[in-house]
Amino acid sequence: MSGSGIILYTKRLGRIQYLGLEVDNTFRKKHKGKWDLPKGTADPGESSLDCAIRETYEETSIRIRHEDVSNEYLVVGKLTMYFAETDEDPVIKPNPVSGIIEHINYQWLEGSVLYKDCFIWLKPFVRWIRNKRL
C-alpha cells in the first residue's frame, strides 16, 4: 500500500518551523522517534496528492488546497511527501474512521529539532525539506 503526506511549515519570528505531531511512548519505541508528520495510506483509487491533503486534514484539522501544495515531492519507498505553508495551528482529533487518537500533541519545531527526534524512516523527508529555500 502506498501513502502520502504533507510537511507543513510556517514562518514565525523570522524563522521557518515545521509541524511535528507528537506520539505516545508506544509509538516512540516502535518508530524510534517522538515526532511524526501528517501522512497516511491512500484509499483505493485515490491520487497521491488527494491522499496527502485528506490525511493532513484528518490528522491536523488544517485544510490545505491543491494549489497550496508544492509542485515538488519526494518519494522514498511507498511514501510520497509534499510540503505546504500554513499559518494555522492544528487541532488534534481522533481518526474519523478508526476513532484512535494517533497523536497526543503538536509543536512547531526548528528543522534540526524535528530531524533529531522524528521517526527514523521520516528522516530523509525532513533532510529534504530542510534543504529547500522556503
N, C-alpha and C. Protein backbone atom coordinates (compact mmCIF):
# COMPACT_ATOMS: atom_id res chain seq x y z
N MET A 1 0.84 -1.18 0.00
CA MET A 1 0.00 0.00 0.00
C MET A 1 0.88 1.24 0.00
N SER A 2 0.49 2.22 -0.75
CA SER A 2 1.24 3.47 -0.79
C SER A 2 0.56 4.51 0.08
N GLY A 3 1.33 5.51 0.43
CA GLY A 3 0.79 6.58 1.26
C GLY A 3 1.41 7.90 0.89
N SER A 4 0.81 8.97 1.42
CA SER A 4 1.28 10.32 1.14
C SER A 4 1.02 11.22 2.34
N GLY A 5 1.73 12.33 2.34
CA GLY A 5 1.52 13.32 3.39
C GLY A 5 2.07 14.67 2.98
N ILE A 6 1.91 15.61 3.88
CA ILE A 6 2.37 16.98 3.63
C ILE A 6 3.18 17.45 4.84
N ILE A 7 4.38 17.92 4.57
CA ILE A 7 5.18 18.56 5.60
C ILE A 7 4.69 20.00 5.67
N LEU A 8 4.09 20.36 6.79
CA LEU A 8 3.57 21.71 6.98
C LEU A 8 4.65 22.57 7.62
N TYR A 9 4.78 23.79 7.11
CA TYR A 9 5.72 24.73 7.71
C TYR A 9 5.06 26.09 7.86
N THR A 10 5.63 26.87 8.74
CA THR A 10 5.16 28.23 8.97
C THR A 10 6.38 29.12 9.17
N LYS A 11 6.18 30.40 9.01
CA LYS A 11 7.25 31.37 9.25
C LYS A 11 6.85 32.16 10.48
N ARG A 12 7.60 31.96 11.55
CA ARG A 12 7.33 32.65 12.81
C ARG A 12 8.60 33.28 13.33
N LEU A 13 8.48 34.51 13.72
CA LEU A 13 9.62 35.26 14.26
C LEU A 13 10.81 35.21 13.30
N GLY A 14 10.51 35.26 12.01
CA GLY A 14 11.56 35.28 11.01
C GLY A 14 12.23 33.94 10.76
N ARG A 15 11.67 32.87 11.30
CA ARG A 15 12.28 31.55 11.14
C ARG A 15 11.27 30.55 10.60
N ILE A 16 11.76 29.59 9.86
CA ILE A 16 10.93 28.50 9.37
C ILE A 16 10.79 27.46 10.47
N GLN A 17 9.55 27.05 10.73
CA GLN A 17 9.29 25.98 11.69
C GLN A 17 8.38 24.96 11.02
N TYR A 18 8.58 23.70 11.40
CA TYR A 18 7.85 22.59 10.80
C TYR A 18 6.94 21.96 11.84
N LEU A 19 5.80 21.47 11.39
CA LEU A 19 4.84 20.86 12.30
C LEU A 19 5.27 19.43 12.64
N GLY A 20 5.50 19.21 13.92
CA GLY A 20 5.75 17.87 14.43
C GLY A 20 4.54 17.40 15.20
N LEU A 21 4.09 16.18 14.91
CA LEU A 21 2.97 15.58 15.64
C LEU A 21 3.54 14.60 16.64
N GLU A 22 3.30 14.86 17.91
CA GLU A 22 3.89 14.06 18.98
C GLU A 22 3.12 12.75 19.16
N VAL A 23 3.87 11.67 19.33
CA VAL A 23 3.26 10.35 19.54
C VAL A 23 3.51 9.88 20.96
N ASP A 24 2.73 8.89 21.38
CA ASP A 24 2.89 8.35 22.74
C ASP A 24 4.11 7.43 22.82
N ASN A 25 4.42 6.96 24.03
CA ASN A 25 5.62 6.17 24.26
C ASN A 25 5.65 4.87 23.47
N THR A 26 4.51 4.25 23.24
CA THR A 26 4.46 3.02 22.47
C THR A 26 4.95 3.27 21.04
N PHE A 27 4.44 4.32 20.43
CA PHE A 27 4.86 4.65 19.07
C PHE A 27 6.31 5.15 19.04
N ARG A 28 6.74 5.83 20.09
CA ARG A 28 8.14 6.30 20.15
C ARG A 28 9.10 5.12 20.07
N LYS A 29 8.79 4.08 20.84
CA LYS A 29 9.66 2.90 20.83
C LYS A 29 9.58 2.18 19.50
N LYS A 30 8.38 2.03 18.97
CA LYS A 30 8.17 1.29 17.72
C LYS A 30 8.86 1.98 16.54
N HIS A 31 8.77 3.30 16.45
CA HIS A 31 9.28 4.03 15.29
C HIS A 31 10.57 4.79 15.58
N LYS A 32 11.11 4.61 16.78
CA LYS A 32 12.38 5.22 17.17
C LYS A 32 12.39 6.73 16.98
N GLY A 33 11.34 7.38 17.49
CA GLY A 33 11.27 8.83 17.41
C GLY A 33 10.03 9.36 18.09
N LYS A 34 10.06 10.63 18.41
CA LYS A 34 8.97 11.31 19.11
C LYS A 34 8.00 12.00 18.14
N TRP A 35 8.52 12.45 16.98
CA TRP A 35 7.73 13.30 16.08
C TRP A 35 7.35 12.58 14.80
N ASP A 36 6.08 12.69 14.47
CA ASP A 36 5.52 12.16 13.24
C ASP A 36 5.18 13.35 12.34
N LEU A 37 4.86 13.07 11.09
CA LEU A 37 4.39 14.08 10.15
C LEU A 37 3.00 13.68 9.66
N PRO A 38 2.18 14.63 9.23
CA PRO A 38 0.86 14.29 8.71
C PRO A 38 0.98 13.44 7.44
N LYS A 39 0.49 12.22 7.50
CA LYS A 39 0.56 11.31 6.35
C LYS A 39 -0.26 10.08 6.64
N GLY A 40 -0.53 9.31 5.59
CA GLY A 40 -1.28 8.09 5.79
C GLY A 40 -1.43 7.32 4.50
N THR A 41 -2.18 6.25 4.56
CA THR A 41 -2.36 5.33 3.44
C THR A 41 -3.44 5.82 2.48
N ALA A 42 -3.16 5.67 1.20
CA ALA A 42 -4.12 6.07 0.17
C ALA A 42 -5.31 5.12 0.14
N ASP A 43 -6.48 5.69 -0.05
CA ASP A 43 -7.69 4.89 -0.28
C ASP A 43 -7.66 4.37 -1.71
N PRO A 44 -8.36 3.27 -1.99
CA PRO A 44 -8.39 2.74 -3.36
C PRO A 44 -8.82 3.81 -4.37
N GLY A 45 -8.03 3.97 -5.43
CA GLY A 45 -8.34 4.93 -6.48
C GLY A 45 -7.98 6.37 -6.17
N GLU A 46 -7.47 6.63 -4.98
CA GLU A 46 -7.14 7.99 -4.56
C GLU A 46 -5.76 8.39 -5.08
N SER A 47 -5.64 9.60 -5.59
CA SER A 47 -4.34 10.08 -6.06
C SER A 47 -3.43 10.35 -4.86
N SER A 48 -2.15 10.41 -5.15
CA SER A 48 -1.17 10.70 -4.10
C SER A 48 -1.45 12.04 -3.44
N LEU A 49 -1.70 13.07 -4.25
CA LEU A 49 -1.96 14.41 -3.70
C LEU A 49 -3.26 14.45 -2.92
N ASP A 50 -4.31 13.82 -3.43
CA ASP A 50 -5.58 13.79 -2.70
C ASP A 50 -5.42 13.08 -1.36
N CYS A 51 -4.65 11.99 -1.35
CA CYS A 51 -4.37 11.28 -0.10
C CYS A 51 -3.66 12.20 0.89
N ALA A 52 -2.64 12.91 0.41
CA ALA A 52 -1.87 13.80 1.27
C ALA A 52 -2.75 14.88 1.90
N ILE A 53 -3.61 15.48 1.09
CA ILE A 53 -4.49 16.54 1.57
C ILE A 53 -5.50 15.98 2.58
N ARG A 54 -6.08 14.83 2.27
CA ARG A 54 -7.06 14.21 3.18
C ARG A 54 -6.42 13.83 4.51
N GLU A 55 -5.28 13.17 4.44
CA GLU A 55 -4.60 12.74 5.67
C GLU A 55 -4.16 13.93 6.51
N THR A 56 -3.70 14.98 5.86
CA THR A 56 -3.30 16.18 6.60
C THR A 56 -4.49 16.76 7.34
N TYR A 57 -5.64 16.81 6.68
CA TYR A 57 -6.83 17.32 7.35
C TYR A 57 -7.27 16.39 8.50
N GLU A 58 -7.28 15.09 8.25
CA GLU A 58 -7.71 14.14 9.29
C GLU A 58 -6.82 14.22 10.52
N GLU A 59 -5.52 14.43 10.33
CA GLU A 59 -4.58 14.42 11.46
C GLU A 59 -4.36 15.77 12.09
N THR A 60 -4.71 16.87 11.38
CA THR A 60 -4.41 18.21 11.92
C THR A 60 -5.60 19.16 11.93
N SER A 61 -6.66 18.83 11.22
CA SER A 61 -7.81 19.71 11.01
C SER A 61 -7.45 20.96 10.21
N ILE A 62 -6.30 20.94 9.55
CA ILE A 62 -5.89 22.05 8.70
C ILE A 62 -6.26 21.72 7.26
N ARG A 63 -7.03 22.62 6.66
CA ARG A 63 -7.45 22.42 5.26
C ARG A 63 -6.40 23.03 4.33
N ILE A 64 -5.86 22.17 3.50
CA ILE A 64 -4.88 22.59 2.51
C ILE A 64 -5.53 22.41 1.14
N ARG A 65 -5.42 23.41 0.29
CA ARG A 65 -5.97 23.33 -1.06
C ARG A 65 -4.89 22.79 -2.01
N HIS A 66 -5.33 22.20 -3.10
CA HIS A 66 -4.38 21.66 -4.08
C HIS A 66 -3.35 22.72 -4.48
N GLU A 67 -3.82 23.93 -4.72
CA GLU A 67 -2.91 24.98 -5.20
C GLU A 67 -1.93 25.46 -4.12
N ASP A 68 -2.17 25.09 -2.86
CA ASP A 68 -1.25 25.46 -1.78
C ASP A 68 -0.08 24.50 -1.64
N VAL A 69 -0.19 23.35 -2.26
CA VAL A 69 0.81 22.29 -2.11
C VAL A 69 1.93 22.50 -3.13
N SER A 70 3.13 22.21 -2.70
CA SER A 70 4.30 22.33 -3.58
C SER A 70 4.14 21.48 -4.84
N ASN A 71 4.76 21.92 -5.90
CA ASN A 71 4.83 21.10 -7.11
C ASN A 71 5.90 20.02 -6.97
N GLU A 72 6.75 20.19 -5.99
CA GLU A 72 7.82 19.23 -5.74
C GLU A 72 7.35 18.22 -4.70
N TYR A 73 7.88 17.02 -4.80
CA TYR A 73 7.60 15.99 -3.81
C TYR A 73 8.78 15.03 -3.78
N LEU A 74 8.83 14.25 -2.72
CA LEU A 74 9.89 13.25 -2.56
C LEU A 74 9.22 11.92 -2.30
N VAL A 75 9.68 10.90 -3.01
CA VAL A 75 9.20 9.54 -2.82
C VAL A 75 10.33 8.71 -2.23
N VAL A 76 10.07 8.07 -1.11
CA VAL A 76 11.01 7.12 -0.52
C VAL A 76 10.20 5.87 -0.21
N GLY A 77 10.54 4.78 -0.89
CA GLY A 77 9.76 3.56 -0.73
C GLY A 77 8.35 3.79 -1.24
N LYS A 78 7.38 3.53 -0.40
CA LYS A 78 5.97 3.68 -0.79
C LYS A 78 5.34 4.98 -0.28
N LEU A 79 6.17 5.88 0.27
CA LEU A 79 5.64 7.12 0.84
C LEU A 79 6.06 8.32 -0.01
N THR A 80 5.08 9.15 -0.35
CA THR A 80 5.30 10.39 -1.09
C THR A 80 4.98 11.55 -0.16
N MET A 81 5.91 12.50 -0.05
CA MET A 81 5.68 13.67 0.79
C MET A 81 5.79 14.94 -0.03
N TYR A 82 4.84 15.83 0.22
CA TYR A 82 4.79 17.16 -0.37
C TYR A 82 5.08 18.16 0.75
N PHE A 83 5.05 19.46 0.45
CA PHE A 83 5.13 20.46 1.50
C PHE A 83 4.22 21.62 1.19
N ALA A 84 3.79 22.31 2.25
CA ALA A 84 2.90 23.46 2.12
C ALA A 84 3.06 24.37 3.33
N GLU A 85 2.86 25.65 3.08
CA GLU A 85 2.92 26.64 4.17
C GLU A 85 1.52 26.85 4.74
N THR A 86 1.46 27.07 6.04
CA THR A 86 0.20 27.38 6.70
C THR A 86 0.47 28.36 7.83
N ASP A 87 -0.56 29.11 8.19
CA ASP A 87 -0.46 29.96 9.37
C ASP A 87 -1.42 29.47 10.45
N GLU A 88 -2.02 28.31 10.22
CA GLU A 88 -2.96 27.73 11.19
C GLU A 88 -2.24 26.79 12.15
N ASP A 89 -2.77 26.70 13.36
CA ASP A 89 -2.32 25.68 14.30
C ASP A 89 -3.26 24.49 14.19
N PRO A 90 -2.73 23.30 14.35
CA PRO A 90 -3.59 22.11 14.23
C PRO A 90 -4.49 21.91 15.43
N VAL A 91 -5.52 21.11 15.21
CA VAL A 91 -6.38 20.61 16.27
C VAL A 91 -6.30 19.10 16.17
N ILE A 92 -5.82 18.47 17.22
CA ILE A 92 -5.64 17.02 17.21
C ILE A 92 -6.95 16.36 17.62
N LYS A 93 -7.46 15.49 16.74
CA LYS A 93 -8.72 14.78 16.99
C LYS A 93 -8.52 13.29 16.72
N PRO A 94 -9.44 12.46 17.20
CA PRO A 94 -9.36 11.03 16.86
C PRO A 94 -9.52 10.82 15.35
N ASN A 95 -8.92 9.75 14.86
CA ASN A 95 -9.07 9.38 13.45
C ASN A 95 -10.55 9.20 13.16
N PRO A 96 -11.07 9.83 12.08
CA PRO A 96 -12.52 9.75 11.82
C PRO A 96 -13.02 8.36 11.45
N VAL A 97 -12.13 7.48 11.02
CA VAL A 97 -12.53 6.12 10.65
C VAL A 97 -12.36 5.16 11.81
N SER A 98 -11.16 5.16 12.41
CA SER A 98 -10.85 4.19 13.48
C SER A 98 -11.23 4.68 14.87
N GLY A 99 -11.33 6.01 15.04
CA GLY A 99 -11.58 6.56 16.37
C GLY A 99 -10.35 6.62 17.25
N ILE A 100 -9.23 6.17 16.75
CA ILE A 100 -7.98 6.14 17.51
C ILE A 100 -7.35 7.54 17.50
N ILE A 101 -6.82 7.93 18.64
CA ILE A 101 -6.06 9.18 18.73
C ILE A 101 -4.61 8.82 18.38
N GLU A 102 -4.18 9.25 17.20
CA GLU A 102 -2.87 8.87 16.69
C GLU A 102 -1.74 9.75 17.24
N HIS A 103 -2.09 10.96 17.65
CA HIS A 103 -1.08 11.90 18.15
C HIS A 103 -1.58 12.52 19.44
N ILE A 104 -0.66 12.80 20.35
CA ILE A 104 -1.06 13.32 21.65
C ILE A 104 -0.87 14.83 21.77
N ASN A 105 -0.09 15.39 20.83
CA ASN A 105 0.18 16.82 20.89
C ASN A 105 0.85 17.24 19.58
N TYR A 106 1.16 18.51 19.47
CA TYR A 106 1.90 19.00 18.31
C TYR A 106 2.83 20.10 18.78
N GLN A 107 3.80 20.41 17.94
CA GLN A 107 4.69 21.53 18.23
C GLN A 107 5.28 22.01 16.91
N TRP A 108 5.44 23.33 16.79
CA TRP A 108 6.17 23.90 15.66
C TRP A 108 7.65 23.87 16.04
N LEU A 109 8.45 23.24 15.18
CA LEU A 109 9.83 22.93 15.53
C LEU A 109 10.83 23.47 14.50
N GLU A 110 11.99 23.83 14.99
CA GLU A 110 13.11 24.11 14.09
C GLU A 110 13.45 22.80 13.37
N GLY A 111 13.97 22.91 12.17
CA GLY A 111 14.28 21.72 11.38
C GLY A 111 15.23 20.76 12.06
N SER A 112 16.24 21.29 12.76
CA SER A 112 17.22 20.43 13.42
C SER A 112 16.58 19.63 14.56
N VAL A 113 15.63 20.24 15.26
CA VAL A 113 14.95 19.56 16.36
C VAL A 113 14.04 18.46 15.81
N LEU A 114 13.30 18.77 14.75
CA LEU A 114 12.44 17.77 14.13
C LEU A 114 13.28 16.60 13.62
N TYR A 115 14.37 16.90 12.94
CA TYR A 115 15.21 15.84 12.38
C TYR A 115 15.78 14.94 13.48
N LYS A 116 16.23 15.55 14.55
CA LYS A 116 16.87 14.78 15.62
C LYS A 116 15.95 13.72 16.21
N ASP A 117 14.65 14.01 16.32
CA ASP A 117 13.78 13.09 17.04
C ASP A 117 12.50 12.72 16.26
N CYS A 118 12.57 12.74 14.92
CA CYS A 118 11.42 12.26 14.15
C CYS A 118 11.56 10.75 13.96
N PHE A 119 10.49 10.11 13.52
CA PHE A 119 10.56 8.68 13.21
C PHE A 119 11.75 8.45 12.29
N ILE A 120 12.47 7.40 12.54
CA ILE A 120 13.71 7.14 11.80
C ILE A 120 13.47 7.08 10.29
N TRP A 121 12.35 6.54 9.87
CA TRP A 121 12.08 6.39 8.43
C TRP A 121 11.54 7.68 7.81
N LEU A 122 11.31 8.72 8.62
CA LEU A 122 10.92 10.03 8.09
C LEU A 122 12.12 10.97 7.91
N LYS A 123 13.28 10.57 8.40
CA LYS A 123 14.46 11.43 8.33
C LYS A 123 14.82 11.87 6.91
N PRO A 124 14.70 11.01 5.88
CA PRO A 124 15.01 11.51 4.52
C PRO A 124 14.10 12.67 4.09
N PHE A 125 12.85 12.65 4.52
CA PHE A 125 11.92 13.72 4.16
C PHE A 125 12.27 15.01 4.90
N VAL A 126 12.63 14.89 6.16
CA VAL A 126 12.98 16.09 6.93
C VAL A 126 14.29 16.67 6.41
N ARG A 127 15.24 15.81 6.07
CA ARG A 127 16.51 16.30 5.48
C ARG A 127 16.21 17.04 4.18
N TRP A 128 15.33 16.49 3.35
CA TRP A 128 14.96 17.09 2.06
C TRP A 128 14.35 18.47 2.25
N ILE A 129 13.37 18.58 3.15
CA ILE A 129 12.67 19.87 3.32
C ILE A 129 13.60 20.91 3.94
N ARG A 130 14.50 20.49 4.80
CA ARG A 130 15.42 21.45 5.42
C ARG A 130 16.37 22.08 4.40
N ASN A 131 16.58 21.39 3.28
CA ASN A 131 17.47 21.91 2.24
C ASN A 131 16.75 22.79 1.23
N LYS A 132 15.44 22.96 1.39
CA LYS A 132 14.66 23.81 0.48
C LYS A 132 14.76 25.27 0.92
N ARG A 133 14.65 26.16 -0.06
CA ARG A 133 14.57 27.59 0.24
C ARG A 133 13.09 27.95 0.26
N LEU A 134 12.54 28.05 1.46
CA LEU A 134 11.10 28.30 1.61
C LEU A 134 10.83 29.78 1.86
